[in-house]
PDB file of N, CA and C in Angstrom:
ATOM      1  N   UNK A   1     -45.688 238.469   2.422  1.00  0.00           N
ATOM      2  CA  UNK A   1     -46.917 239.254   2.437  1.00  0.00           C
ATOM      3  C   UNK A   1     -46.637 240.627   1.826  1.00  0.00           C
ATOM      4  N   UNK A   2     -47.472 241.035   0.930  1.00  0.00           N
ATOM      5  CA  UNK A   2     -47.318 242.317   0.242  1.00  0.00           C
ATOM      6  C   UNK A   2     -47.763 243.461   1.160  1.00  0.00           C
ATOM      7  N   UNK A   3     -47.116 244.606   1.013  1.00  0.00           N
ATOM      8  CA  UNK A   3     -47.470 245.771   1.816  1.00  0.00           C
ATOM      9  C   UNK A   3     -48.647 246.494   1.176  1.00  0.00           C
ATOM     10  N   UNK A   4     -49.676 246.729   1.962  1.00  0.00           N
ATOM     11  CA  UNK A   4     -50.887 247.404   1.498  1.00  0.00           C
ATOM     12  C   UNK A   4     -50.862 248.826   2.055  1.00  0.00           C
ATOM     13  N   UNK A   5     -50.806 249.824   1.165  1.00  0.00           N
ATOM     14  CA  UNK A   5     -50.733 251.217   1.603  1.00  0.00           C
ATOM     15  C   UNK A   5     -51.960 252.036   1.241  1.00  0.00           C
ATOM     16  N   UNK A   6     -52.722 251.599   0.228  1.00  0.00           N
ATOM     17  CA  UNK A   6     -53.902 252.363  -0.182  1.00  0.00           C
ATOM     18  C   UNK A   6     -54.920 251.411  -0.815  1.00  0.00           C
ATOM     19  N   UNK A   7     -56.030 251.978  -1.242  1.00  0.00           N
ATOM     20  CA  UNK A   7     -57.109 251.157  -1.806  1.00  0.00           C
ATOM     21  C   UNK A   7     -56.686 250.443  -3.087  1.00  0.00           C
ATOM     22  N   UNK A   8     -55.837 251.063  -3.874  1.00  0.00           N
ATOM     23  CA  UNK A   8     -55.392 250.429  -5.120  1.00  0.00           C
ATOM     24  C   UNK A   8     -54.546 249.196  -4.821  1.00  0.00           C
ATOM     25  N   UNK A   9     -53.674 249.290  -3.802  1.00  0.00           N
ATOM     26  CA  UNK A   9     -52.878 248.132  -3.385  1.00  0.00           C
ATOM     27  C   UNK A   9     -53.792 247.019  -2.883  1.00  0.00           C
ATOM     28  N   UNK A  10     -54.793 247.387  -2.083  1.00  0.00           N
ATOM     29  CA  UNK A  10     -55.703 246.387  -1.529  1.00  0.00           C
ATOM     30  C   UNK A  10     -56.498 245.702  -2.633  1.00  0.00           C
ATOM     31  N   UNK A  11     -57.021 246.475  -3.564  1.00  0.00           N
ATOM     32  CA  UNK A  11     -57.805 245.887  -4.655  1.00  0.00           C
ATOM     33  C   UNK A  11     -56.950 244.935  -5.491  1.00  0.00           C
ATOM     34  N   UNK A  12     -55.722 245.344  -5.814  1.00  0.00           N
ATOM     35  CA  UNK A  12     -54.835 244.495  -6.605  1.00  0.00           C
ATOM     36  C   UNK A  12     -54.497 243.206  -5.860  1.00  0.00           C
ATOM     37  N   UNK A  13     -54.162 243.316  -4.588  1.00  0.00           N
ATOM     38  CA  UNK A  13     -53.830 242.141  -3.781  1.00  0.00           C
ATOM     39  C   UNK A  13     -55.050 241.229  -3.620  1.00  0.00           C
ATOM     40  N   UNK A  14     -56.240 241.834  -3.461  1.00  0.00           N
ATOM     41  CA  UNK A  14     -57.475 241.054  -3.332  1.00  0.00           C
ATOM     42  C   UNK A  14     -57.698 240.191  -4.575  1.00  0.00           C
ATOM     43  N   UNK A  15     -57.561 240.792  -5.761  1.00  0.00           N
ATOM     44  CA  UNK A  15     -57.781 240.035  -6.996  1.00  0.00           C
ATOM     45  C   UNK A  15     -56.677 239.010  -7.250  1.00  0.00           C
ATOM     46  N   UNK A  16     -55.464 239.265  -6.754  1.00  0.00           N
ATOM     47  CA  UNK A  16     -54.411 238.255  -6.870  1.00  0.00           C
ATOM     48  C   UNK A  16     -54.732 237.057  -5.982  1.00  0.00           C
ATOM     49  N   UNK A  17     -55.249 237.317  -4.780  1.00  0.00           N
ATOM     50  CA  UNK A  17     -55.599 236.242  -3.850  1.00  0.00           C
ATOM     51  C   UNK A  17     -56.916 235.561  -4.215  1.00  0.00           C
ATOM     52  N   UNK A  18     -57.816 236.304  -4.833  1.00  0.00           N
ATOM     53  CA  UNK A  18     -59.157 235.797  -5.173  1.00  0.00           C
ATOM     54  C   UNK A  18     -59.480 236.169  -6.624  1.00  0.00           C
ATOM     55  N   UNK A  19     -58.885 235.462  -7.587  1.00  0.00           N
ATOM     56  CA  UNK A  19     -59.083 235.823  -9.004  1.00  0.00           C
ATOM     57  C   UNK A  19     -60.547 235.825  -9.440  1.00  0.00           C
ATOM     58  N   UNK A  20     -61.379 235.041  -8.788  1.00  0.00           N
ATOM     59  CA  UNK A  20     -62.798 234.996  -9.136  1.00  0.00           C
ATOM     60  C   UNK A  20     -63.649 235.820  -8.171  1.00  0.00           C
ATOM     61  N   UNK A  21     -62.997 236.613  -7.321  1.00  0.00           N
ATOM     62  CA  UNK A  21     -63.721 237.439  -6.357  1.00  0.00           C
ATOM     63  C   UNK A  21     -64.464 238.570  -7.048  1.00  0.00           C
ATOM     64  N   UNK A  22     -65.499 239.068  -6.369  1.00  0.00           N
ATOM     65  CA  UNK A  22     -66.324 240.114  -6.976  1.00  0.00           C
ATOM     66  C   UNK A  22     -66.499 241.340  -6.094  1.00  0.00           C
ATOM     67  N   UNK A  23     -65.816 241.390  -4.942  1.00  0.00           N
ATOM     68  CA  UNK A  23     -66.064 242.474  -3.991  1.00  0.00           C
ATOM     69  C   UNK A  23     -65.889 243.857  -4.614  1.00  0.00           C
ATOM     70  N   UNK A  24     -64.826 244.059  -5.380  1.00  0.00           N
ATOM     71  CA  UNK A  24     -64.532 245.373  -5.948  1.00  0.00           C
ATOM     72  C   UNK A  24     -65.044 245.553  -7.371  1.00  0.00           C
ATOM     73  N   UNK A  25     -65.817 244.606  -7.889  1.00  0.00           N
ATOM     74  CA  UNK A  25     -66.388 244.762  -9.228  1.00  0.00           C
ATOM     75  C   UNK A  25     -67.351 245.947  -9.240  1.00  0.00           C
ATOM     76  N   UNK A  26     -67.354 246.671 -10.325  1.00  0.00           N
ATOM     77  CA  UNK A  26     -68.208 247.861 -10.450  1.00  0.00           C
ATOM     78  C   UNK A  26     -69.686 247.525 -10.209  1.00  0.00           C
ATOM     79  N   UNK A  27     -70.168 246.425 -10.788  1.00  0.00           N
ATOM     80  CA  UNK A  27     -71.578 246.057 -10.622  1.00  0.00           C
ATOM     81  C   UNK A  27     -71.908 245.680  -9.180  1.00  0.00           C
ATOM     82  N   UNK A  28     -70.973 245.016  -8.502  1.00  0.00           N
ATOM     83  CA  UNK A  28     -71.199 244.646  -7.100  1.00  0.00           C
ATOM     84  C   UNK A  28     -71.279 245.897  -6.243  1.00  0.00           C
ATOM     85  N   UNK A  29     -70.334 246.809  -6.430  1.00  0.00           N
ATOM     86  CA  UNK A  29     -70.351 248.039  -5.655  1.00  0.00           C
ATOM     87  C   UNK A  29     -71.612 248.848  -5.930  1.00  0.00           C
ATOM     88  N   UNK A  30     -72.010 248.905  -7.203  1.00  0.00           N
ATOM     89  CA  UNK A  30     -73.218 249.644  -7.570  1.00  0.00           C
ATOM     90  C   UNK A  30     -74.455 249.042  -6.894  1.00  0.00           C
ATOM     91  N   UNK A  31     -74.520 247.721  -6.830  1.00  0.00           N
ATOM     92  CA  UNK A  31     -75.648 247.042  -6.186  1.00  0.00           C
ATOM     93  C   UNK A  31     -75.796 247.487  -4.725  1.00  0.00           C
ATOM     94  N   UNK A  32     -74.649 247.661  -4.040  1.00  0.00           N
ATOM     95  CA  UNK A  32     -74.679 248.058  -2.635  1.00  0.00           C
ATOM     96  C   UNK A  32     -74.624 249.574  -2.438  1.00  0.00           C
ATOM     97  N   UNK A  33     -74.691 250.326  -3.536  1.00  0.00           N
ATOM     98  CA  UNK A  33     -74.708 251.779  -3.445  1.00  0.00           C
ATOM     99  C   UNK A  33     -73.359 252.374  -3.092  1.00  0.00           C
ATOM    100  N   UNK A  34     -72.281 251.685  -3.467  1.00  0.00           N
ATOM    101  CA  UNK A  34     -70.931 252.144  -3.150  1.00  0.00           C
ATOM    102  C   UNK A  34     -70.159 252.459  -4.423  1.00  0.00           C
ATOM    103  N   UNK A  35     -69.079 253.226  -4.251  1.00  0.00           N
ATOM    104  CA  UNK A  35     -68.168 253.537  -5.357  1.00  0.00           C
ATOM    105  C   UNK A  35     -66.749 253.328  -4.859  1.00  0.00           C
ATOM    106  N   UNK A  36     -65.916 252.748  -5.722  1.00  0.00           N
ATOM    107  CA  UNK A  36     -64.520 252.524  -5.338  1.00  0.00           C
ATOM    108  C   UNK A  36     -63.830 253.853  -5.018  1.00  0.00           C
ATOM    109  N   UNK A  37     -64.142 254.881  -5.776  1.00  0.00           N
ATOM    110  CA  UNK A  37     -63.493 256.179  -5.577  1.00  0.00           C
ATOM    111  C   UNK A  37     -63.818 256.806  -4.218  1.00  0.00           C
ATOM    112  N   UNK A  38     -64.891 256.351  -3.585  1.00  0.00           N
ATOM    113  CA  UNK A  38     -65.280 256.890  -2.282  1.00  0.00           C
ATOM    114  C   UNK A  38     -64.778 256.032  -1.127  1.00  0.00           C
ATOM    115  N   UNK A  39     -64.081 254.940  -1.423  1.00  0.00           N
ATOM    116  CA  UNK A  39     -63.567 254.056  -0.373  1.00  0.00           C
ATOM    117  C   UNK A  39     -62.214 254.558   0.121  1.00  0.00           C
ATOM    118  N   UNK A  40     -61.981 254.413   1.418  1.00  0.00           N
ATOM    119  CA  UNK A  40     -60.728 254.823   2.031  1.00  0.00           C
ATOM    120  C   UNK A  40     -60.189 253.696   2.908  1.00  0.00           C
ATOM    121  N   UNK A  41     -58.890 253.440   2.784  1.00  0.00           N
ATOM    122  CA  UNK A  41     -58.230 252.461   3.635  1.00  0.00           C
ATOM    123  C   UNK A  41     -57.769 253.184   4.894  1.00  0.00           C
ATOM    124  N   UNK A  42     -58.267 252.746   6.053  1.00  0.00           N
ATOM    125  CA  UNK A  42     -57.888 253.386   7.308  1.00  0.00           C
ATOM    126  C   UNK A  42     -56.503 252.911   7.726  1.00  0.00           C
ATOM    127  N   UNK A  43     -55.803 253.731   8.481  1.00  0.00           N
ATOM    128  CA  UNK A  43     -54.449 253.405   8.917  1.00  0.00           C
ATOM    129  C   UNK A  43     -54.468 252.283   9.946  1.00  0.00           C
ATOM    130  N   UNK A  44     -53.418 251.458   9.891  1.00  0.00           N
ATOM    131  CA  UNK A  44     -53.273 250.392  10.868  1.00  0.00           C
ATOM    132  C   UNK A  44     -54.183 249.205  10.602  1.00  0.00           C
ATOM    133  N   UNK A  45     -54.228 248.317  11.569  1.00  0.00           N
ATOM    134  CA  UNK A  45     -55.083 247.135  11.489  1.00  0.00           C
ATOM    135  C   UNK A  45     -55.887 247.022  12.782  1.00  0.00           C
ATOM    136  N   UNK A  46     -56.925 246.195  12.750  1.00  0.00           N
ATOM    137  CA  UNK A  46     -57.755 245.961  13.931  1.00  0.00           C
ATOM    138  C   UNK A  46     -57.965 244.467  14.098  1.00  0.00           C
ATOM    139  N   UNK A  47     -58.343 244.072  15.295  1.00  0.00           N
ATOM    140  CA  UNK A  47     -58.696 242.686  15.583  1.00  0.00           C
ATOM    141  C   UNK A  47     -60.213 242.566  15.470  1.00  0.00           C
ATOM    142  N   UNK A  48     -60.687 241.624  14.657  1.00  0.00           N
ATOM    143  CA  UNK A  48     -62.120 241.440  14.430  1.00  0.00           C
ATOM    144  C   UNK A  48     -62.455 239.965  14.600  1.00  0.00           C
ATOM    145  N   UNK A  49     -63.582 239.684  15.287  1.00  0.00           N
ATOM    146  CA  UNK A  49     -64.062 238.311  15.410  1.00  0.00           C
ATOM    147  C   UNK A  49     -65.095 238.056  14.321  1.00  0.00           C
ATOM    148  N   UNK A  50     -64.975 236.909  13.657  1.00  0.00           N
ATOM    149  CA  UNK A  50     -65.961 236.554  12.639  1.00  0.00           C
ATOM    150  C   UNK A  50     -67.171 235.904  13.303  1.00  0.00           C
ATOM    151  N   UNK A  51     -68.111 235.440  12.506  1.00  0.00           N
ATOM    152  CA  UNK A  51     -69.353 234.869  13.035  1.00  0.00           C
ATOM    153  C   UNK A  51     -69.130 233.577  13.826  1.00  0.00           C
ATOM    154  N   UNK A  52     -67.970 232.942  13.641  1.00  0.00           N
ATOM    155  CA  UNK A  52     -67.647 231.724  14.380  1.00  0.00           C
ATOM    156  C   UNK A  52     -66.807 232.004  15.621  1.00  0.00           C
ATOM    157  N   UNK A  53     -66.497 233.275  15.866  1.00  0.00           N
ATOM    158  CA  UNK A  53     -65.723 233.653  17.034  1.00  0.00           C
ATOM    159  C   UNK A  53     -64.215 233.618  16.829  1.00  0.00           C
ATOM    160  N   UNK A  54     -63.777 233.389  15.599  1.00  0.00           N
ATOM    161  CA  UNK A  54     -62.350 233.366  15.278  1.00  0.00           C
ATOM    162  C   UNK A  54     -61.859 234.807  15.106  1.00  0.00           C
ATOM    163  N   UNK A  55     -60.741 235.138  15.751  1.00  0.00           N
ATOM    164  CA  UNK A  55     -60.196 236.491  15.668  1.00  0.00           C
ATOM    165  C   UNK A  55     -59.270 236.629  14.459  1.00  0.00           C
ATOM    166  N   UNK A  56     -59.445 237.708  13.723  1.00  0.00           N
ATOM    167  CA  UNK A  56     -58.643 238.002  12.536  1.00  0.00           C
ATOM    168  C   UNK A  56     -58.011 239.387  12.697  1.00  0.00           C
ATOM    169  N   UNK A  57     -56.789 239.558  12.220  1.00  0.00           N
ATOM    170  CA  UNK A  57     -56.176 240.868  12.103  1.00  0.00           C
ATOM    171  C   UNK A  57     -56.573 241.390  10.732  1.00  0.00           C
ATOM    172  N   UNK A  58     -57.162 242.582  10.696  1.00  0.00           N
ATOM    173  CA  UNK A  58     -57.768 243.059   9.449  1.00  0.00           C
ATOM    174  C   UNK A  58     -57.396 244.491   9.094  1.00  0.00           C
ATOM    175  N   UNK A  59     -57.370 244.733   7.780  1.00  0.00           N
ATOM    176  CA  UNK A  59     -57.378 246.091   7.247  1.00  0.00           C
ATOM    177  C   UNK A  59     -58.821 246.563   7.302  1.00  0.00           C
ATOM    178  N   UNK A  60     -59.016 247.863   7.470  1.00  0.00           N
ATOM    179  CA  UNK A  60     -60.375 248.409   7.524  1.00  0.00           C
ATOM    180  C   UNK A  60     -60.567 249.379   6.361  1.00  0.00           C
ATOM    181  N   UNK A  61     -61.658 249.152   5.612  1.00  0.00           N
ATOM    182  CA  UNK A  61     -62.038 250.040   4.516  1.00  0.00           C
ATOM    183  C   UNK A  61     -63.302 250.788   4.931  1.00  0.00           C
ATOM    184  N   UNK A  62     -63.239 252.102   4.871  1.00  0.00           N
ATOM    185  CA  UNK A  62     -64.389 252.945   5.166  1.00  0.00           C
ATOM    186  C   UNK A  62     -65.050 253.318   3.847  1.00  0.00           C
ATOM    187  N   UNK A  63     -66.374 253.195   3.806  1.00  0.00           N
ATOM    188  CA  UNK A  63     -67.106 253.487   2.585  1.00  0.00           C
ATOM    189  C   UNK A  63     -68.457 254.098   2.940  1.00  0.00           C
ATOM    190  N   UNK A  64     -69.056 254.755   1.969  1.00  0.00           N
ATOM    191  CA  UNK A  64     -70.392 255.305   2.138  1.00  0.00           C
ATOM    192  C   UNK A  64     -71.323 254.616   1.154  1.00  0.00           C
ATOM    193  N   UNK A  65     -72.427 254.091   1.672  1.00  0.00           N
ATOM    194  CA  UNK A  65     -73.448 253.504   0.814  1.00  0.00           C
ATOM    195  C   UNK A  65     -74.540 254.538   0.594  1.00  0.00           C
ATOM    196  N   UNK A  66     -74.968 254.670  -0.635  1.00  0.00           N
ATOM    197  CA  UNK A  66     -76.088 255.552  -0.971  1.00  0.00           C
ATOM    198  C   UNK A  66     -77.305 254.652  -1.157  1.00  0.00           C
ATOM    199  N   UNK A  67     -78.186 254.646  -0.173  1.00  0.00           N
ATOM    200  CA  UNK A  67     -79.326 253.730  -0.165  1.00  0.00           C
ATOM    201  C   UNK A  67     -80.594 254.494  -0.543  1.00  0.00           C
ATOM    202  N   UNK A  68     -81.298 254.038  -1.592  1.00  0.00           N
ATOM    203  CA  UNK A  68     -82.539 254.718  -1.997  1.00  0.00           C
ATOM    204  C   UNK A  68     -83.541 254.792  -0.845  1.00  0.00           C
ATOM    205  N   UNK A  69     -84.189 255.915  -0.712  1.00  0.00           N
ATOM    206  CA  UNK A  69     -85.215 256.196   0.303  1.00  0.00           C
ATOM    207  C   UNK A  69     -84.670 256.260   1.720  1.00  0.00           C
ATOM    208  N   UNK A  70     -83.400 255.976   1.922  1.00  0.00           N
ATOM    209  CA  UNK A  70     -82.791 256.038   3.251  1.00  0.00           C
ATOM    210  C   UNK A  70     -81.729 257.130   3.295  1.00  0.00           C
ATOM    211  N   UNK A  71     -80.914 257.192   2.270  1.00  0.00           N
ATOM    212  CA  UNK A  71     -79.842 258.178   2.215  1.00  0.00           C
ATOM    213  C   UNK A  71     -78.483 257.529   2.389  1.00  0.00           C
ATOM    214  N   UNK A  72     -77.545 258.319   2.865  1.00  0.00           N
ATOM    215  CA  UNK A  72     -76.174 257.832   3.021  1.00  0.00           C
ATOM    216  C   UNK A  72     -75.993 257.093   4.336  1.00  0.00           C
ATOM    217  N   UNK A  73     -75.129 256.076   4.267  1.00  0.00           N
ATOM    218  CA  UNK A  73     -74.831 255.285   5.453  1.00  0.00           C
ATOM    219  C   UNK A  73     -73.342 254.931   5.422  1.00  0.00           C
ATOM    220  N   UNK A  74     -72.619 255.206   6.498  1.00  0.00           N
ATOM    221  CA  UNK A  74     -71.203 254.861   6.610  1.00  0.00           C
ATOM    222  C   UNK A  74     -71.094 253.380   6.965  1.00  0.00           C
ATOM    223  N   UNK A  75     -70.269 252.660   6.212  1.00  0.00           N
ATOM    224  CA  UNK A  75     -70.035 251.240   6.472  1.00  0.00           C
ATOM    225  C   UNK A  75     -68.534 250.969   6.516  1.00  0.00           C
ATOM    226  N   UNK A  76     -68.171 249.907   7.201  1.00  0.00           N
ATOM    227  CA  UNK A  76     -66.769 249.501   7.306  1.00  0.00           C
ATOM    228  C   UNK A  76     -66.643 248.045   6.867  1.00  0.00           C
ATOM    229  N   UNK A  77     -65.675 247.789   6.014  1.00  0.00           N
ATOM    230  CA  UNK A  77     -65.391 246.435   5.547  1.00  0.00           C
ATOM    231  C   UNK A  77     -64.051 246.022   6.130  1.00  0.00           C
ATOM    232  N   UNK A  78     -63.962 244.778   6.561  1.00  0.00           N
ATOM    233  CA  UNK A  78     -62.731 244.273   7.172  1.00  0.00           C
ATOM    234  C   UNK A  78     -62.156 243.161   6.301  1.00  0.00           C
ATOM    235  N   UNK A  79     -60.865 243.287   5.974  1.00  0.00           N
ATOM    236  CA  UNK A  79     -60.172 242.294   5.142  1.00  0.00           C
ATOM    237  C   UNK A  79     -59.015 241.702   5.926  1.00  0.00           C
ATOM    238  N   UNK A  80     -59.027 240.373   6.085  1.00  0.00           N
ATOM    239  CA  UNK A  80     -57.964 239.666   6.790  1.00  0.00           C
ATOM    240  C   UNK A  80     -56.615 239.985   6.133  1.00  0.00           C
ATOM    241  N   UNK A  81     -55.608 240.333   6.924  1.00  0.00           N
ATOM    242  CA  UNK A  81     -54.315 240.725   6.366  1.00  0.00           C
ATOM    243  C   UNK A  81     -53.586 239.568   5.692  1.00  0.00           C
ATOM    244  N   UNK A  82     -53.875 238.338   6.085  1.00  0.00           N
ATOM    245  CA  UNK A  82     -53.221 237.172   5.494  1.00  0.00           C
ATOM    246  C   UNK A  82     -53.915 236.689   4.222  1.00  0.00           C
ATOM    247  N   UNK A  83     -55.243 236.516   4.305  1.00  0.00           N
ATOM    248  CA  UNK A  83     -55.990 235.905   3.201  1.00  0.00           C
ATOM    249  C   UNK A  83     -56.711 236.926   2.322  1.00  0.00           C
ATOM    250  N   UNK A  84     -56.854 238.153   2.830  1.00  0.00           N
ATOM    251  CA  UNK A  84     -57.607 239.227   2.186  1.00  0.00           C
ATOM    252  C   UNK A  84     -59.077 238.860   1.965  1.00  0.00           C
ATOM    253  N   UNK A  85     -59.584 237.925   2.768  1.00  0.00           N
ATOM    254  CA  UNK A  85     -61.017 237.602   2.736  1.00  0.00           C
ATOM    255  C   UNK A  85     -61.786 238.699   3.460  1.00  0.00           C
ATOM    256  N   UNK A  86     -62.974 238.997   2.966  1.00  0.00           N
ATOM    257  CA  UNK A  86     -63.865 239.956   3.607  1.00  0.00           C
ATOM    258  C   UNK A  86     -64.441 239.285   4.844  1.00  0.00           C
ATOM    259  N   UNK A  87     -64.164 239.845   6.025  1.00  0.00           N
ATOM    260  CA  UNK A  87     -64.666 239.288   7.279  1.00  0.00           C
ATOM    261  C   UNK A  87     -65.949 240.004   7.623  1.00  0.00           C
ATOM    262  N   UNK A  88     -67.060 239.305   7.554  1.00  0.00           N
ATOM    263  CA  UNK A  88     -68.373 239.914   7.757  1.00  0.00           C
ATOM    264  C   UNK A  88     -68.809 240.108   9.137  1.00  0.00           C
TER     265      UNK A  88
END
Protein backbone atom coordinates (compact mmCIF):
# COMPACT_ATOMS: atom_id res chain seq x y z
CA UNK A 1 0.00 0.00 0.00
CA UNK A 2 1.37 3.39 -1.00
CA UNK A 3 1.75 6.12 1.62
CA UNK A 4 -0.65 9.02 1.10
CA UNK A 5 0.63 12.30 2.58
CA UNK A 6 -1.18 15.02 0.62
CA UNK A 7 -3.81 15.65 -2.04
CA UNK A 8 -1.35 15.10 -4.89
CA UNK A 9 -0.46 11.64 -3.53
CA UNK A 10 -4.15 10.80 -3.15
CA UNK A 11 -5.05 11.96 -6.65
CA UNK A 12 -2.17 10.00 -8.20
CA UNK A 13 -3.01 6.84 -6.24
CA UNK A 14 -6.72 7.25 -7.09
CA UNK A 15 -6.02 7.35 -10.84
CA UNK A 16 -3.64 4.38 -10.55
CA UNK A 17 -6.38 2.37 -8.82
CA UNK A 18 -9.19 3.73 -11.02
CA UNK A 19 -7.76 4.64 -14.45
CA UNK A 20 -11.25 5.45 -15.75
CA UNK A 21 -12.29 7.32 -12.59
CA UNK A 22 -13.54 10.88 -12.82
CA UNK A 23 -13.63 12.14 -9.22
CA UNK A 24 -10.69 14.55 -9.60
CA UNK A 25 -11.36 15.54 -13.22
CA UNK A 26 -11.58 19.31 -13.66
CA UNK A 27 -15.05 19.12 -15.26
CA UNK A 28 -16.40 16.88 -12.48
CA UNK A 29 -15.11 19.19 -9.77
CA UNK A 30 -16.47 22.22 -11.62
CA UNK A 31 -19.91 20.58 -11.86
CA UNK A 32 -19.99 20.23 -8.06
CA UNK A 33 -18.58 23.72 -7.48
CA UNK A 34 -15.23 22.44 -6.19
CA UNK A 35 -11.58 23.08 -7.03
CA UNK A 36 -8.68 20.70 -6.51
CA UNK A 37 -6.56 23.57 -5.19
CA UNK A 38 -9.08 24.13 -2.38
CA UNK A 39 -9.12 20.48 -1.25
CA UNK A 40 -7.23 19.43 1.87
CA UNK A 41 -6.32 15.95 3.08
CA UNK A 42 -7.03 15.75 6.81
CA UNK A 43 -4.56 13.99 9.09
CA UNK A 44 -5.14 10.38 10.06
CA UNK A 45 -7.97 8.10 9.04
CA UNK A 46 -11.55 7.56 10.20
CA UNK A 47 -13.98 4.65 10.31
CA UNK A 48 -16.98 5.22 8.01
CA UNK A 49 -20.01 3.01 7.32
CA UNK A 50 -21.25 2.89 3.74
CA UNK A 51 -24.91 2.69 2.70
CA UNK A 52 -24.85 -1.10 3.21
CA UNK A 53 -23.49 -0.81 6.75
CA UNK A 54 -19.98 -2.01 5.86
CA UNK A 55 -17.25 -0.22 7.83
CA UNK A 56 -14.31 1.23 5.90
CA UNK A 57 -11.09 2.86 7.11
CA UNK A 58 -10.88 6.08 5.11
CA UNK A 59 -8.82 9.12 4.29
CA UNK A 60 -10.84 12.31 4.65
CA UNK A 61 -10.74 15.15 2.11
CA UNK A 62 -12.15 18.51 3.17
CA UNK A 63 -13.47 20.70 0.38
CA UNK A 64 -15.65 23.75 -0.16
CA UNK A 65 -18.44 23.71 -2.72
CA UNK A 66 -19.50 27.02 -4.23
CA UNK A 67 -23.21 26.53 -4.92
CA UNK A 68 -25.09 29.14 -6.99
CA UNK A 69 -27.81 30.98 -5.02
CA UNK A 70 -26.76 29.15 -1.84
CA UNK A 71 -23.13 30.09 -1.31
CA UNK A 72 -20.28 28.11 0.16
CA UNK A 73 -20.74 24.74 1.78
CA UNK A 74 -18.08 22.61 3.54
CA UNK A 75 -18.12 18.98 2.41
CA UNK A 76 -16.07 15.92 3.32
CA UNK A 77 -15.18 13.08 0.97
CA UNK A 78 -14.08 9.70 2.30
CA UNK A 79 -11.72 7.41 0.38
CA UNK A 80 -11.16 3.80 1.46
CA UNK A 81 -7.46 3.36 2.32
CA UNK A 82 -7.29 -0.01 0.53
CA UNK A 83 -9.32 0.54 -2.65
CA UNK A 84 -9.36 4.37 -2.78
CA UNK A 85 -13.06 4.19 -3.67
CA UNK A 86 -15.16 7.21 -2.72
CA UNK A 87 -17.37 6.06 0.17
CA UNK A 88 -20.62 8.00 -0.05
